[in-house]
């Protein structure tokens, strides 16, 4: 479970009915996996991969699965989180 999901469930704020899902391409390597971003309250709260993705069949690598957290960096400095 993602730490953001765990923390939000503990706080009682996790609400999948309020989440939007947007498919995009993972930026971390040349494979080109489709990554599905789950957004709640204008924040990415989880990233998954559609199960019908031919390359990885629903499994994201560690960078694709957790690399999106830099998007919420308080300084906006992506280099500090690479």
PDB file of N, CA and C in Angstrom:
ATOM      1  N   UNK A   1       0.845  -1.171   0.000  1.00  0.00           N
ATOM      2  CA  UNK A   1       0.000   0.000   0.000  1.00  0.00           C
ATOM      3  C   UNK A   1       0.894   1.240   0.000  1.00  0.00           C
ATOM      4  N   UNK A   2       0.531   2.218  -0.767  1.00  0.00           N
ATOM      5  CA  UNK A   2       1.274   3.471  -0.818  1.00  0.00           C
ATOM      6  C   UNK A   2       1.169   4.182   0.520  1.00  0.00           C
ATOM      7  N   UNK A   3       2.236   4.874   0.934  1.00  0.00           N
ATOM      8  CA  UNK A   3       2.189   5.586   2.215  1.00  0.00           C
ATOM      9  C   UNK A   3       1.104   6.648   2.196  1.00  0.00           C
ATOM     10  N   UNK A   4       0.903   7.298   1.048  1.00  0.00           N
ATOM     11  CA  UNK A   4      -0.147   8.319   0.977  1.00  0.00           C
ATOM     12  C   UNK A   4      -1.520   7.686   1.203  1.00  0.00           C
ATOM     13  N   UNK A   5      -1.740   6.518   0.620  1.00  0.00           N
ATOM     14  CA  UNK A   5      -3.019   5.830   0.819  1.00  0.00           C
ATOM     15  C   UNK A   5      -3.173   5.410   2.281  1.00  0.00           C
ATOM     16  N   UNK A   6      -2.141   4.848   2.856  1.00  0.00           N
ATOM     17  CA  UNK A   6      -2.187   4.414   4.255  1.00  0.00           C
ATOM     18  C   UNK A   6      -2.507   5.589   5.173  1.00  0.00           C
ATOM     19  N   UNK A   7      -1.763   6.689   4.991  1.00  0.00           N
ATOM     20  CA  UNK A   7      -1.960   7.862   5.850  1.00  0.00           C
ATOM     21  C   UNK A   7      -3.362   8.441   5.688  1.00  0.00           C
ATOM     22  N   UNK A   8      -3.842   8.497   4.445  1.00  0.00           N
ATOM     23  CA  UNK A   8      -5.180   9.040   4.215  1.00  0.00           C
ATOM     24  C   UNK A   8      -6.251   8.114   4.787  1.00  0.00           C
ATOM     25  N   UNK A   9      -6.061   6.815   4.708  1.00  0.00           N
ATOM     26  CA  UNK A   9      -7.027   5.879   5.310  1.00  0.00           C
ATOM     27  C   UNK A   9      -7.037   6.029   6.825  1.00  0.00           C
ATOM     28  N   UNK A  10      -5.867   6.182   7.414  1.00  0.00           N
ATOM     29  CA  UNK A  10      -5.791   6.381   8.860  1.00  0.00           C
ATOM     30  C   UNK A  10      -6.508   7.665   9.290  1.00  0.00           C
ATOM     31  N   UNK A  11      -6.385   8.704   8.469  1.00  0.00           N
ATOM     32  CA  UNK A  11      -7.017   9.990   8.775  1.00  0.00           C
ATOM     33  C   UNK A  11      -8.490  10.021   8.376  1.00  0.00           C
ATOM     34  N   UNK A  12      -8.940   8.988   7.654  1.00  0.00           N
ATOM     35  CA  UNK A  12     -10.334   8.939   7.215  1.00  0.00           C
ATOM     36  C   UNK A  12     -10.627   9.812   6.008  1.00  0.00           C
ATOM     37  N   UNK A  13      -9.586  10.185   5.255  1.00  0.00           N
ATOM     38  CA  UNK A  13      -9.781  11.075   4.107  1.00  0.00           C
ATOM     39  C   UNK A  13      -9.689  10.361   2.761  1.00  0.00           C
ATOM     40  N   UNK A  14      -9.323   9.079   2.749  1.00  0.00           N
ATOM     41  CA  UNK A  14      -9.228   8.315   1.500  1.00  0.00           C
ATOM     42  C   UNK A  14     -10.632   8.109   0.957  1.00  0.00           C
ATOM     43  N   UNK A  15     -10.887   8.573  -0.270  1.00  0.00           N
ATOM     44  CA  UNK A  15     -12.226   8.445  -0.857  1.00  0.00           C
ATOM     45  C   UNK A  15     -12.081   8.201  -2.355  1.00  0.00           C
ATOM     46  N   UNK A  16     -12.111   6.935  -2.745  1.00  0.00           N
ATOM     47  CA  UNK A  16     -11.918   6.591  -4.152  1.00  0.00           C
ATOM     48  C   UNK A  16     -13.003   7.180  -5.048  1.00  0.00           C
ATOM     49  N   UNK A  17     -14.182   7.433  -4.520  1.00  0.00           N
ATOM     50  CA  UNK A  17     -15.253   8.011  -5.341  1.00  0.00           C
ATOM     51  C   UNK A  17     -14.937   9.451  -5.737  1.00  0.00           C
ATOM     52  N   UNK A  18     -14.060  10.115  -5.003  1.00  0.00           N
ATOM     53  CA  UNK A  18     -13.664  11.491  -5.328  1.00  0.00           C
ATOM     54  C   UNK A  18     -12.397  11.542  -6.169  1.00  0.00           C
ATOM     55  N   UNK A  19     -11.788  10.407  -6.426  1.00  0.00           N
ATOM     56  CA  UNK A  19     -10.527  10.370  -7.168  1.00  0.00           C
ATOM     57  C   UNK A  19     -10.773  10.316  -8.668  1.00  0.00           C
ATOM     58  N   UNK A  20      -9.950  11.057  -9.388  1.00  0.00           N
ATOM     59  CA  UNK A  20      -9.942  10.948 -10.842  1.00  0.00           C
ATOM     60  C   UNK A  20      -8.741  10.098 -11.229  1.00  0.00           C
ATOM     61  N   UNK A  21      -8.821   9.489 -12.385  1.00  0.00           N
ATOM     62  CA  UNK A  21      -7.728   8.661 -12.886  1.00  0.00           C
ATOM     63  C   UNK A  21      -7.325   9.160 -14.262  1.00  0.00           C
ATOM     64  N   UNK A  22      -6.051   9.376 -14.428  1.00  0.00           N
ATOM     65  CA  UNK A  22      -5.537   9.882 -15.688  1.00  0.00           C
ATOM     66  C   UNK A  22      -4.407   8.978 -16.160  1.00  0.00           C
ATOM     67  N   UNK A  23      -4.523   8.485 -17.388  1.00  0.00           N
ATOM     68  CA  UNK A  23      -3.456   7.673 -17.968  1.00  0.00           C
ATOM     69  C   UNK A  23      -2.455   8.579 -18.667  1.00  0.00           C
ATOM     70  N   UNK A  24      -1.177   8.299 -18.461  1.00  0.00           N
ATOM     71  CA  UNK A  24      -0.102   9.049 -19.089  1.00  0.00           C
ATOM     72  C   UNK A  24       1.052   8.066 -19.322  1.00  0.00           C
ATOM     73  N   UNK A  25       2.154   8.547 -19.847  1.00  0.00           N
ATOM     74  CA  UNK A  25       3.322   7.701 -20.091  1.00  0.00           C
ATOM     75  C   UNK A  25       4.345   7.953 -18.992  1.00  0.00           C
ATOM     76  N   UNK A  26       4.851   6.893 -18.409  1.00  0.00           N
ATOM     77  CA  UNK A  26       5.874   7.000 -17.369  1.00  0.00           C
ATOM     78  C   UNK A  26       7.132   7.638 -17.965  1.00  0.00           C
ATOM     79  N   UNK A  27       7.722   8.627 -17.289  1.00  0.00           N
ATOM     80  CA  UNK A  27       8.862   9.347 -17.852  1.00  0.00           C
ATOM     81  C   UNK A  27      10.238   8.766 -17.518  1.00  0.00           C
ATOM     82  N   UNK A  28      10.307   7.652 -16.809  1.00  0.00           N
ATOM     83  CA  UNK A  28      11.581   7.235 -16.243  1.00  0.00           C
ATOM     84  C   UNK A  28      12.495   6.421 -17.136  1.00  0.00           C
ATOM     85  N   UNK A  29      12.005   5.806 -18.177  1.00  0.00           N
ATOM     86  CA  UNK A  29      12.904   5.061 -19.058  1.00  0.00           C
ATOM     87  C   UNK A  29      12.297   5.019 -20.461  1.00  0.00           C
ATOM     88  N   UNK A  30      12.904   4.313 -21.355  1.00  0.00           N
ATOM     89  CA  UNK A  30      12.438   4.265 -22.729  1.00  0.00           C
ATOM     90  C   UNK A  30      11.407   3.193 -23.025  1.00  0.00           C
ATOM     91  N   UNK A  31      10.988   2.430 -22.025  1.00  0.00           N
ATOM     92  CA  UNK A  31      10.018   1.370 -22.264  1.00  0.00           C
ATOM     93  C   UNK A  31       8.668   1.948 -22.685  1.00  0.00           C
ATOM     94  N   UNK A  32       8.265   3.044 -22.064  1.00  0.00           N
ATOM     95  CA  UNK A  32       7.011   3.701 -22.439  1.00  0.00           C
ATOM     96  C   UNK A  32       5.767   3.107 -21.806  1.00  0.00           C
ATOM     97  N   UNK A  33       5.869   2.682 -20.557  1.00  0.00           N
ATOM     98  CA  UNK A  33       4.718   2.106 -19.859  1.00  0.00           C
ATOM     99  C   UNK A  33       3.624   3.151 -19.658  1.00  0.00           C
ATOM    100  N   UNK A  34       2.397   2.712 -19.800  1.00  0.00           N
ATOM    101  CA  UNK A  34       1.267   3.568 -19.460  1.00  0.00           C
ATOM    102  C   UNK A  34       1.129   3.540 -17.950  1.00  0.00           C
ATOM    103  N   UNK A  35       1.065   4.705 -17.340  1.00  0.00           N
ATOM    104  CA  UNK A  35       0.928   4.807 -15.899  1.00  0.00           C
ATOM    105  C   UNK A  35      -0.394   5.512 -15.608  1.00  0.00           C
ATOM    106  N   UNK A  36      -1.138   5.021 -14.642  1.00  0.00           N
ATOM    107  CA  UNK A  36      -2.435   5.607 -14.276  1.00  0.00           C
ATOM    108  C   UNK A  36      -2.267   6.341 -12.950  1.00  0.00           C
ATOM    109  N   UNK A  37      -2.453   7.663 -12.990  1.00  0.00           N
ATOM    110  CA  UNK A  37      -2.337   8.488 -11.796  1.00  0.00           C
ATOM    111  C   UNK A  37      -3.712   8.657 -11.162  1.00  0.00           C
ATOM    112  N   UNK A  38      -3.784   8.405  -9.868  1.00  0.00           N
ATOM    113  CA  UNK A  38      -5.013   8.569  -9.098  1.00  0.00           C
ATOM    114  C   UNK A  38      -4.876   9.890  -8.340  1.00  0.00           C
ATOM    115  N   UNK A  39      -5.818  10.801  -8.543  1.00  0.00           N
ATOM    116  CA  UNK A  39      -5.723  12.148  -7.989  1.00  0.00           C
ATOM    117  C   UNK A  39      -6.931  12.426  -7.106  1.00  0.00           C
ATOM    118  N   UNK A  40      -6.656  12.923  -5.909  1.00  0.00           N
ATOM    119  CA  UNK A  40      -7.715  13.344  -4.994  1.00  0.00           C
ATOM    120  C   UNK A  40      -7.320  14.694  -4.420  1.00  0.00           C
ATOM    121  N   UNK A  41      -8.238  15.640  -4.422  1.00  0.00           N
ATOM    122  CA  UNK A  41      -7.977  16.988  -3.903  1.00  0.00           C
ATOM    123  C   UNK A  41      -6.757  17.625  -4.563  1.00  0.00           C
ATOM    124  N   UNK A  42      -6.645  17.468  -5.882  1.00  0.00           N
ATOM    125  CA  UNK A  42      -5.555  18.045  -6.676  1.00  0.00           C
ATOM    126  C   UNK A  42      -4.175  17.527  -6.296  1.00  0.00           C
ATOM    127  N   UNK A  43      -4.105  16.336  -5.712  1.00  0.00           N
ATOM    128  CA  UNK A  43      -2.825  15.719  -5.367  1.00  0.00           C
ATOM    129  C   UNK A  43      -2.803  14.290  -5.885  1.00  0.00           C
ATOM    130  N   UNK A  44      -1.679  13.888  -6.447  1.00  0.00           N
ATOM    131  CA  UNK A  44      -1.513  12.495  -6.848  1.00  0.00           C
ATOM    132  C   UNK A  44      -1.410  11.680  -5.562  1.00  0.00           C
ATOM    133  N   UNK A  45      -2.258  10.675  -5.425  1.00  0.00           N
ATOM    134  CA  UNK A  45      -2.250   9.864  -4.211  1.00  0.00           C
ATOM    135  C   UNK A  45      -1.791   8.428  -4.465  1.00  0.00           C
ATOM    136  N   UNK A  46      -1.743   8.035  -5.740  1.00  0.00           N
ATOM    137  CA  UNK A  46      -1.332   6.669  -6.057  1.00  0.00           C
ATOM    138  C   UNK A  46      -1.062   6.583  -7.554  1.00  0.00           C
ATOM    139  N   UNK A  47      -0.182   5.669  -7.941  1.00  0.00           N
ATOM    140  CA  UNK A  47       0.073   5.389  -9.352  1.00  0.00           C
ATOM    141  C   UNK A  47      -0.052   3.887  -9.563  1.00  0.00           C
ATOM    142  N   UNK A  48      -0.762   3.504 -10.599  1.00  0.00           N
ATOM    143  CA  UNK A  48      -0.916   2.094 -10.938  1.00  0.00           C
ATOM    144  C   UNK A  48      -0.690   1.937 -12.433  1.00  0.00           C
ATOM    145  N   UNK A  49      -0.738   0.717 -12.885  1.00  0.00           N
ATOM    146  CA  UNK A  49      -0.587   0.421 -14.295  1.00  0.00           C
ATOM    147  C   UNK A  49      -1.814  -0.366 -14.731  1.00  0.00           C
ATOM    148  N   UNK A  50      -2.447   0.022 -15.824  1.00  0.00           N
ATOM    149  CA  UNK A  50      -3.597  -0.750 -16.298  1.00  0.00           C
ATOM    150  C   UNK A  50      -3.209  -2.217 -16.504  1.00  0.00           C
ATOM    151  N   UNK A  51      -4.077  -3.126 -16.098  1.00  0.00           N
ATOM    152  CA  UNK A  51      -3.776  -4.555 -16.207  1.00  0.00           C
ATOM    153  C   UNK A  51      -3.619  -5.016 -17.646  1.00  0.00           C
ATOM    154  N   UNK A  52      -4.215  -4.281 -18.588  1.00  0.00           N
ATOM    155  CA  UNK A  52      -4.129  -4.693 -19.987  1.00  0.00           C
ATOM    156  C   UNK A  52      -2.872  -4.163 -20.681  1.00  0.00           C
ATOM    157  N   UNK A  53      -1.942  -3.574 -19.950  1.00  0.00           N
ATOM    158  CA  UNK A  53      -0.680  -3.060 -20.483  1.00  0.00           C
ATOM    159  C   UNK A  53       0.170  -4.257 -20.905  1.00  0.00           C
ATOM    160  N   UNK A  54       0.454  -4.386 -22.187  1.00  0.00           N
ATOM    161  CA  UNK A  54       1.148  -5.557 -22.722  1.00  0.00           C
ATOM    162  C   UNK A  54       2.563  -5.755 -22.186  1.00  0.00           C
ATOM    163  N   UNK A  55       3.270  -4.673 -21.916  1.00  0.00           N
ATOM    164  CA  UNK A  55       4.682  -4.788 -21.557  1.00  0.00           C
ATOM    165  C   UNK A  55       4.863  -5.361 -20.155  1.00  0.00           C
ATOM    166  N   UNK A  56       4.144  -4.832 -19.174  1.00  0.00           N
ATOM    167  CA  UNK A  56       4.375  -5.249 -17.787  1.00  0.00           C
ATOM    168  C   UNK A  56       3.167  -5.906 -17.133  1.00  0.00           C
ATOM    169  N   UNK A  57       2.062  -5.975 -17.817  1.00  0.00           N
ATOM    170  CA  UNK A  57       0.854  -6.660 -17.332  1.00  0.00           C
ATOM    171  C   UNK A  57       0.444  -6.226 -15.927  1.00  0.00           C
ATOM    172  N   UNK A  58       0.417  -4.922 -15.693  1.00  0.00           N
ATOM    173  CA  UNK A  58      -0.078  -4.391 -14.427  1.00  0.00           C
ATOM    174  C   UNK A  58       0.957  -4.158 -13.350  1.00  0.00           C
ATOM    175  N   UNK A  59       2.228  -4.443 -13.619  1.00  0.00           N
ATOM    176  CA  UNK A  59       3.275  -4.266 -12.619  1.00  0.00           C
ATOM    177  C   UNK A  59       4.174  -3.100 -12.997  1.00  0.00           C
ATOM    178  N   UNK A  60       4.310  -2.150 -12.103  1.00  0.00           N
ATOM    179  CA  UNK A  60       5.203  -1.014 -12.322  1.00  0.00           C
ATOM    180  C   UNK A  60       6.552  -1.270 -11.669  1.00  0.00           C
ATOM    181  N   UNK A  61       7.607  -0.733 -12.269  1.00  0.00           N
ATOM    182  CA  UNK A  61       8.914  -0.781 -11.611  1.00  0.00           C
ATOM    183  C   UNK A  61       8.881   0.199 -10.434  1.00  0.00           C
ATOM    184  N   UNK A  62       9.889   0.180  -9.617  1.00  0.00           N
ATOM    185  CA  UNK A  62       9.915   1.019  -8.416  1.00  0.00           C
ATOM    186  C   UNK A  62       9.885   2.504  -8.750  1.00  0.00           C
ATOM    187  N   UNK A  63      10.555   2.910  -9.832  1.00  0.00           N
ATOM    188  CA  UNK A  63      10.551   4.326 -10.212  1.00  0.00           C
ATOM    189  C   UNK A  63       9.166   4.757 -10.665  1.00  0.00           C
ATOM    190  N   UNK A  64       8.533   3.962 -11.482  1.00  0.00           N
ATOM    191  CA  UNK A  64       7.201   4.303 -11.952  1.00  0.00           C
ATOM    192  C   UNK A  64       6.163   4.285 -10.857  1.00  0.00           C
ATOM    193  N   UNK A  65       6.333   3.358  -9.919  1.00  0.00           N
ATOM    194  CA  UNK A  65       5.342   3.218  -8.859  1.00  0.00           C
ATOM    195  C   UNK A  65       5.428   4.329  -7.822  1.00  0.00           C
ATOM    196  N   UNK A  66       6.650   4.753  -7.483  1.00  0.00           N
ATOM    197  CA  UNK A  66       6.807   5.730  -6.409  1.00  0.00           C
ATOM    198  C   UNK A  66       7.445   7.050  -6.836  1.00  0.00           C
ATOM    199  N   UNK A  67       7.910   7.164  -8.074  1.00  0.00           N
ATOM    200  CA  UNK A  67       8.623   8.361  -8.516  1.00  0.00           C
ATOM    201  C   UNK A  67       7.764   9.605  -8.629  1.00  0.00           C
ATOM    202  N   UNK A  68       6.470   9.457  -8.684  1.00  0.00           N
ATOM    203  CA  UNK A  68       5.576  10.611  -8.821  1.00  0.00           C
ATOM    204  C   UNK A  68       5.558  11.503  -7.594  1.00  0.00           C
ATOM    205  N   UNK A  69       6.051  11.033  -6.469  1.00  0.00           N
ATOM    206  CA  UNK A  69       5.974  11.814  -5.235  1.00  0.00           C
ATOM    207  C   UNK A  69       6.738  13.139  -5.329  1.00  0.00           C
ATOM    208  N   UNK A  70       7.729  13.223  -6.245  1.00  0.00           N
ATOM    209  CA  UNK A  70       8.461  14.488  -6.399  1.00  0.00           C
ATOM    210  C   UNK A  70       7.545  15.608  -6.895  1.00  0.00           C
ATOM    211  N   UNK A  71       6.429  15.274  -7.493  1.00  0.00           N
ATOM    212  CA  UNK A  71       5.513  16.294  -8.028  1.00  0.00           C
ATOM    213  C   UNK A  71       4.961  17.199  -6.941  1.00  0.00           C
ATOM    214  N   UNK A  72       5.021  16.756  -5.698  1.00  0.00           N
ATOM    215  CA  UNK A  72       4.495  17.548  -4.586  1.00  0.00           C
ATOM    216  C   UNK A  72       5.609  18.116  -3.717  1.00  0.00           C
ATOM    217  N   UNK A  73       6.797  18.222  -4.284  1.00  0.00           N
ATOM    218  CA  UNK A  73       7.926  18.758  -3.549  1.00  0.00           C
ATOM    219  C   UNK A  73       7.622  20.189  -3.126  1.00  0.00           C
ATOM    220  N   UNK A  74       7.861  20.520  -1.861  1.00  0.00           N
ATOM    221  CA  UNK A  74       7.580  21.880  -1.393  1.00  0.00           C
ATOM    222  C   UNK A  74       8.417  22.939  -2.097  1.00  0.00           C
ATOM    223  N   UNK A  75       9.598  22.561  -2.586  1.00  0.00           N
ATOM    224  CA  UNK A  75      10.445  23.536  -3.265  1.00  0.00           C
ATOM    225  C   UNK A  75      10.304  23.468  -4.775  1.00  0.00           C
ATOM    226  N   UNK A  76       9.679  22.393  -5.247  1.00  0.00           N
ATOM    227  CA  UNK A  76       9.554  22.223  -6.681  1.00  0.00           C
ATOM    228  C   UNK A  76      10.840  21.751  -7.325  1.00  0.00           C
ATOM    229  N   UNK A  77      11.840  21.422  -6.511  1.00  0.00           N
ATOM    230  CA  UNK A  77      13.149  21.019  -7.002  1.00  0.00           C
ATOM    231  C   UNK A  77      13.139  19.507  -7.256  1.00  0.00           C
ATOM    232  N   UNK A  78      13.002  19.107  -8.505  1.00  0.00           N
ATOM    233  CA  UNK A  78      12.967  17.675  -8.821  1.00  0.00           C
ATOM    234  C   UNK A  78      14.332  17.033  -8.680  1.00  0.00           C
ATOM    235  N   UNK A  79      15.404  17.793  -8.770  1.00  0.00           N
ATOM    236  CA  UNK A  79      16.750  17.234  -8.662  1.00  0.00           C
ATOM    237  C   UNK A  79      16.999  16.687  -7.253  1.00  0.00           C
ATOM    238  N   UNK A  80      16.420  17.308  -6.240  1.00  0.00           N
ATOM    239  CA  UNK A  80      16.646  16.881  -4.868  1.00  0.00           C
ATOM    240  C   UNK A  80      16.021  15.521  -4.607  1.00  0.00           C
ATOM    241  N   UNK A  81      15.098  15.088  -5.465  1.00  0.00           N
ATOM    242  CA  UNK A  81      14.391  13.847  -5.228  1.00  0.00           C
ATOM    243  C   UNK A  81      14.773  12.758  -6.215  1.00  0.00           C
ATOM    244  N   UNK A  82      15.717  13.028  -7.080  1.00  0.00           N
ATOM    245  CA  UNK A  82      16.115  12.050  -8.096  1.00  0.00           C
ATOM    246  C   UNK A  82      17.005  10.985  -7.519  1.00  0.00           C
TER     247      UNK A  82
END
